[in-house]
Amino acid sequence: ASDIVVIEDDARIGSPEARALGFE
């Protein structure tokens, strides 16, 4: 939903709830 995203190199992005619940 944001316009610009700046992230650190070793951050972790994911959707583990997709394994048992649903998605975003």
PDB file of all heavy atoms in Angstrom:
ATOM      1  N   ALA A   1       0.806  -1.222   0.000  1.00  0.00           N
ATOM      2  CA  ALA A   1       0.000   0.000   0.000  1.00  0.00           C
ATOM      3  C   ALA A   1       0.838   1.270   0.000  1.00  0.00           C
ATOM      4  O   ALA A   1       0.315   2.349  -0.275  1.00  0.00           O
ATOM      5  CB  ALA A   1      -0.935   0.000   1.209  1.00  0.00           C
ATOM      6  N   SER A   2       2.135   1.165   0.322  1.00  0.00           N
ATOM      7  CA  SER A   2       3.002   2.341   0.365  1.00  0.00           C
ATOM      8  C   SER A   2       3.484   2.703  -1.039  1.00  0.00           C
ATOM      9  O   SER A   2       3.472   1.877  -1.953  1.00  0.00           O
ATOM     10  CB  SER A   2       4.201   2.086   1.285  1.00  0.00           C
ATOM     11  OG  SER A   2       3.781   1.856   2.613  1.00  0.00           O
ATOM     12  N   ASP A   3       3.964   3.949  -1.194  1.00  0.00           N
ATOM     13  CA  ASP A   3       4.399   4.422  -2.508  1.00  0.00           C
ATOM     14  C   ASP A   3       5.850   4.058  -2.807  1.00  0.00           C
ATOM     15  O   ASP A   3       6.196   3.742  -3.941  1.00  0.00           O
ATOM     16  CB  ASP A   3       4.226   5.946  -2.585  1.00  0.00           C
ATOM     17  CG  ASP A   3       2.791   6.353  -2.342  1.00  0.00           C
ATOM     18  OD1 ASP A   3       1.905   5.846  -3.067  1.00  0.00           O
ATOM     19  OD2 ASP A   3       2.544   7.155  -1.433  1.00  0.00           O
ATOM     20  N   ILE A   4       6.704   4.140  -1.798  1.00  0.00           N
ATOM     21  CA  ILE A   4       8.126   3.815  -1.920  1.00  0.00           C
ATOM     22  C   ILE A   4       8.479   2.925  -0.741  1.00  0.00           C
ATOM     23  O   ILE A   4       8.056   3.183   0.387  1.00  0.00           O
ATOM     24  CB  ILE A   4       8.998   5.091  -1.906  1.00  0.00           C
ATOM     25  CG1 ILE A   4       8.695   5.964  -3.133  1.00  0.00           C
ATOM     26  CG2 ILE A   4      10.483   4.750  -1.845  1.00  0.00           C
ATOM     27  CD1 ILE A   4       9.362   7.336  -3.080  1.00  0.00           C
ATOM     28  N   VAL A   5       9.257   1.860  -0.982  1.00  0.00           N
ATOM     29  CA  VAL A   5       9.689   0.972   0.093  1.00  0.00           C
ATOM     30  C   VAL A   5      11.206   0.849   0.061  1.00  0.00           C
ATOM     31  O   VAL A   5      11.783   0.431  -0.948  1.00  0.00           O
ATOM     32  CB  VAL A   5       9.061  -0.426  -0.037  1.00  0.00           C
ATOM     33  CG1 VAL A   5       9.510  -1.319   1.126  1.00  0.00           C
ATOM     34  CG2 VAL A   5       7.537  -0.338  -0.078  1.00  0.00           C
ATOM     35  N   VAL A   6      11.845   1.232   1.177  1.00  0.00           N
ATOM     36  CA  VAL A   6      13.293   1.077   1.328  1.00  0.00           C
ATOM     37  C   VAL A   6      13.523   0.075   2.454  1.00  0.00           C
ATOM     38  O   VAL A   6      12.952   0.204   3.540  1.00  0.00           O
ATOM     39  CB  VAL A   6      13.983   2.416   1.647  1.00  0.00           C
ATOM     40  CG1 VAL A   6      15.493   2.218   1.745  1.00  0.00           C
ATOM     41  CG2 VAL A   6      13.647   3.463   0.586  1.00  0.00           C
ATOM     42  N   ILE A   7      14.369  -0.910   2.207  1.00  0.00           N
ATOM     43  CA  ILE A   7      14.523  -2.023   3.126  1.00  0.00           C
ATOM     44  C   ILE A   7      16.003  -2.301   3.366  1.00  0.00           C
ATOM     45  O   ILE A   7      16.846  -2.021   2.504  1.00  0.00           O
ATOM     46  CB  ILE A   7      13.823  -3.271   2.530  1.00  0.00           C
ATOM     47  CG1 ILE A   7      13.746  -4.415   3.522  1.00  0.00           C
ATOM     48  CG2 ILE A   7      14.490  -3.708   1.233  1.00  0.00           C
ATOM     49  CD1 ILE A   7      12.857  -5.557   3.035  1.00  0.00           C
ATOM     50  N   GLU A   8      16.308  -2.842   4.531  1.00  0.00           N
ATOM     51  CA  GLU A   8      17.691  -3.246   4.761  1.00  0.00           C
ATOM     52  C   GLU A   8      17.947  -4.584   4.069  1.00  0.00           C
ATOM     53  O   GLU A   8      17.047  -5.402   3.905  1.00  0.00           O
ATOM     54  CB  GLU A   8      17.998  -3.333   6.254  1.00  0.00           C
ATOM     55  CG  GLU A   8      17.230  -4.387   7.016  1.00  0.00           C
ATOM     56  CD  GLU A   8      17.641  -4.462   8.479  1.00  0.00           C
ATOM     57  OE1 GLU A   8      18.517  -3.694   8.912  1.00  0.00           O
ATOM     58  OE2 GLU A   8      17.085  -5.315   9.187  1.00  0.00           O
ATOM     59  N   ASP A   9      19.205  -4.794   3.671  1.00  0.00           N
ATOM     60  CA  ASP A   9      19.557  -5.956   2.867  1.00  0.00           C
ATOM     61  C   ASP A   9      19.157  -7.282   3.504  1.00  0.00           C
ATOM     62  O   ASP A   9      18.716  -8.207   2.823  1.00  0.00           O
ATOM     63  CB  ASP A   9      21.072  -5.975   2.598  1.00  0.00           C
ATOM     64  CG  ASP A   9      21.506  -4.883   1.628  1.00  0.00           C
ATOM     65  OD1 ASP A   9      20.651  -4.338   0.915  1.00  0.00           O
ATOM     66  OD2 ASP A   9      22.721  -4.593   1.591  1.00  0.00           O
ATOM     67  N   ASP A  10      19.345  -7.402   4.819  1.00  0.00           N
ATOM     68  CA  ASP A  10      19.101  -8.699   5.458  1.00  0.00           C
ATOM     69  C   ASP A  10      17.784  -8.763   6.211  1.00  0.00           C
ATOM     70  O   ASP A  10      17.588  -9.631   7.060  1.00  0.00           O
ATOM     71  CB  ASP A  10      20.266  -9.080   6.382  1.00  0.00           C
ATOM     72  CG  ASP A  10      20.406  -8.141   7.566  1.00  0.00           C
ATOM     73  OD1 ASP A  10      19.749  -7.077   7.560  1.00  0.00           O
ATOM     74  OD2 ASP A  10      21.163  -8.470   8.504  1.00  0.00           O
ATOM     75  N   ALA A  11      16.851  -7.876   5.889  1.00  0.00           N
ATOM     76  CA  ALA A  11      15.503  -7.983   6.445  1.00  0.00           C
ATOM     77  C   ALA A  11      14.853  -9.266   5.932  1.00  0.00           C
ATOM     78  O   ALA A  11      15.325  -9.890   4.976  1.00  0.00           O
ATOM     79  CB  ALA A  11      14.663  -6.774   6.052  1.00  0.00           C
ATOM     80  N   ARG A  12      13.765  -9.663   6.575  1.00  0.00           N
ATOM     81  CA  ARG A  12      13.044 -10.862   6.160  1.00  0.00           C
ATOM     82  C   ARG A  12      11.599 -10.496   5.850  1.00  0.00           C
ATOM     83  O   ARG A  12      10.903  -9.925   6.679  1.00  0.00           O
ATOM     84  CB  ARG A  12      13.080 -11.929   7.270  1.00  0.00           C
ATOM     85  CG  ARG A  12      14.467 -12.515   7.491  1.00  0.00           C
ATOM     86  CD  ARG A  12      14.911 -13.340   6.288  1.00  0.00           C
ATOM     87  NE  ARG A  12      16.213 -13.955   6.477  1.00  0.00           N
ATOM     88  CZ  ARG A  12      17.367 -13.404   6.107  1.00  0.00           C
ATOM     89  NH1 ARG A  12      17.377 -12.221   5.540  1.00  0.00           N
ATOM     90  NH2 ARG A  12      18.506 -14.056   6.284  1.00  0.00           N
ATOM     91  N   ILE A  13      11.164 -10.846   4.637  1.00  0.00           N
ATOM     92  CA  ILE A  13       9.815 -10.552   4.162  1.00  0.00           C
ATOM     93  C   ILE A  13       9.140 -11.859   3.802  1.00  0.00           C
ATOM     94  O   ILE A  13       9.706 -12.667   3.067  1.00  0.00           O
ATOM     95  CB  ILE A  13       9.846  -9.674   2.899  1.00  0.00           C
ATOM     96  CG1 ILE A  13      10.748  -8.464   3.088  1.00  0.00           C
ATOM     97  CG2 ILE A  13       8.446  -9.245   2.504  1.00  0.00           C
ATOM     98  CD1 ILE A  13      11.108  -7.810   1.778  1.00  0.00           C
ATOM     99  N   GLY A  14       7.928 -12.057   4.283  1.00  0.00           N
ATOM    100  CA  GLY A  14       7.227 -13.278   3.921  1.00  0.00           C
ATOM    101  C   GLY A  14       5.819 -13.307   4.473  1.00  0.00           C
ATOM    102  O   GLY A  14       5.390 -12.409   5.197  1.00  0.00           O
ATOM    103  N   SER A  15       5.101 -14.365   4.122  1.00  0.00           N
ATOM    104  CA  SER A  15       3.717 -14.522   4.545  1.00  0.00           C
ATOM    105  C   SER A  15       3.511 -15.926   5.095  1.00  0.00           C
ATOM    106  O   SER A  15       2.828 -16.755   4.492  1.00  0.00           O
ATOM    107  CB  SER A  15       2.777 -14.260   3.359  1.00  0.00           C
ATOM    108  OG  SER A  15       1.435 -14.232   3.767  1.00  0.00           O
ATOM    109  N   PRO A  16       4.109 -16.231   6.270  1.00  0.00           N
ATOM    110  CA  PRO A  16       4.019 -17.596   6.800  1.00  0.00           C
ATOM    111  C   PRO A  16       2.600 -18.046   7.108  1.00  0.00           C
ATOM    112  O   PRO A  16       2.324 -19.244   7.129  1.00  0.00           O
ATOM    113  CB  PRO A  16       4.884 -17.537   8.066  1.00  0.00           C
ATOM    114  CG  PRO A  16       4.922 -16.096   8.445  1.00  0.00           C
ATOM    115  CD  PRO A  16       4.892 -15.355   7.146  1.00  0.00           C
ATOM    116  N   GLU A  17       1.680 -17.105   7.323  1.00  0.00           N
ATOM    117  CA  GLU A  17       0.306 -17.508   7.606  1.00  0.00           C
ATOM    118  C   GLU A  17      -0.329 -18.229   6.419  1.00  0.00           C
ATOM    119  O   GLU A  17      -1.317 -18.947   6.572  1.00  0.00           O
ATOM    120  CB  GLU A  17      -0.547 -16.294   8.008  1.00  0.00           C
ATOM    121  CG  GLU A  17      -0.904 -15.340   6.887  1.00  0.00           C
ATOM    122  CD  GLU A  17       0.169 -14.313   6.599  1.00  0.00           C
ATOM    123  OE1 GLU A  17       1.326 -14.492   7.036  1.00  0.00           O
ATOM    124  OE2 GLU A  17      -0.134 -13.313   5.929  1.00  0.00           O
ATOM    125  N   ALA A  18       0.248 -18.045   5.205  1.00  0.00           N
ATOM    126  CA  ALA A  18      -0.279 -18.738   4.036  1.00  0.00           C
ATOM    127  C   ALA A  18      -0.192 -20.254   4.188  1.00  0.00           C
ATOM    128  O   ALA A  18      -0.902 -20.991   3.493  1.00  0.00           O
ATOM    129  CB  ALA A  18       0.474 -18.296   2.781  1.00  0.00           C
ATOM    130  N   ARG A  19       0.648 -20.730   5.100  1.00  0.00           N
ATOM    131  CA  ARG A  19       0.796 -22.168   5.308  1.00  0.00           C
ATOM    132  C   ARG A  19      -0.415 -22.792   5.991  1.00  0.00           C
ATOM    133  O   ARG A  19      -0.572 -24.019   5.949  1.00  0.00           O
ATOM    134  CB  ARG A  19       2.047 -22.436   6.152  1.00  0.00           C
ATOM    135  CG  ARG A  19       3.331 -22.026   5.465  1.00  0.00           C
ATOM    136  CD  ARG A  19       4.502 -22.038   6.421  1.00  0.00           C
ATOM    137  NE  ARG A  19       5.755 -21.765   5.714  1.00  0.00           N
ATOM    138  CZ  ARG A  19       6.892 -21.484   6.336  1.00  0.00           C
ATOM    139  NH1 ARG A  19       6.939 -21.424   7.670  1.00  0.00           N
ATOM    140  NH2 ARG A  19       7.995 -21.260   5.631  1.00  0.00           N
ATOM    141  N   ALA A  20      -1.239 -21.958   6.630  1.00  0.00           N
ATOM    142  CA  ALA A  20      -2.343 -22.558   7.387  1.00  0.00           C
ATOM    143  C   ALA A  20      -3.587 -21.694   7.468  1.00  0.00           C
ATOM    144  O   ALA A  20      -4.592 -22.154   7.974  1.00  0.00           O
ATOM    145  CB  ALA A  20      -1.871 -22.865   8.818  1.00  0.00           C
ATOM    146  N   LEU A  21      -3.549 -20.476   6.982  1.00  0.00           N
ATOM    147  CA  LEU A  21      -4.649 -19.573   7.292  1.00  0.00           C
ATOM    148  C   LEU A  21      -5.218 -18.834   6.087  1.00  0.00           C
ATOM    149  O   LEU A  21      -6.420 -18.734   5.909  1.00  0.00           O
ATOM    150  CB  LEU A  21      -4.188 -18.557   8.349  1.00  0.00           C
ATOM    151  CG  LEU A  21      -5.257 -17.633   8.921  1.00  0.00           C
ATOM    152  CD1 LEU A  21      -6.367 -18.459   9.573  1.00  0.00           C
ATOM    153  CD2 LEU A  21      -4.637 -16.696   9.952  1.00  0.00           C
ATOM    154  N   GLY A  22      -4.389 -18.275   5.246  1.00  0.00           N
ATOM    155  CA  GLY A  22      -4.864 -17.450   4.147  1.00  0.00           C
ATOM    156  C   GLY A  22      -3.742 -16.571   3.660  1.00  0.00           C
ATOM    157  O   GLY A  22      -2.567 -16.881   3.856  1.00  0.00           O
ATOM    158  N   PHE A  23      -4.086 -15.460   3.049  1.00  0.00           N
ATOM    159  CA  PHE A  23      -3.056 -14.580   2.510  1.00  0.00           C
ATOM    160  C   PHE A  23      -3.453 -13.128   2.737  1.00  0.00           C
ATOM    161  O   PHE A  23      -4.535 -12.834   3.260  1.00  0.00           O
ATOM    162  CB  PHE A  23      -2.830 -14.855   1.023  1.00  0.00           C
ATOM    163  CG  PHE A  23      -4.093 -14.986   0.214  1.00  0.00           C
ATOM    164  CD1 PHE A  23      -4.818 -13.870  -0.153  1.00  0.00           C
ATOM    165  CD2 PHE A  23      -4.553 -16.240  -0.165  1.00  0.00           C
ATOM    166  CE1 PHE A  23      -5.976 -13.987  -0.895  1.00  0.00           C
ATOM    167  CE2 PHE A  23      -5.716 -16.369  -0.926  1.00  0.00           C
ATOM    168  CZ  PHE A  23      -6.423 -15.244  -1.287  1.00  0.00           C
ATOM    169  N   GLU A  24      -2.585 -12.234   2.311  1.00  0.00           N
ATOM    170  CA  GLU A  24      -2.817 -10.818   2.574  1.00  0.00           C
ATOM    171  C   GLU A  24      -3.810 -10.225   1.571  1.00  0.00           C
ATOM    172  O   GLU A  24      -3.813 -10.601   0.393  1.00  0.00           O
ATOM    173  CB  GLU A  24      -1.497 -10.047   2.516  1.00  0.00           C
ATOM    174  CG  GLU A  24      -0.520 -10.482   3.584  1.00  0.00           C
ATOM    175  CD  GLU A  24      -1.158 -10.540   4.958  1.00  0.00           C
ATOM    176  OE1 GLU A  24      -1.851  -9.577   5.354  1.00  0.00           O
ATOM    177  OE2 GLU A  24      -0.985 -11.546   5.648  1.00  0.00           O
TER     178      GLU A  24
END
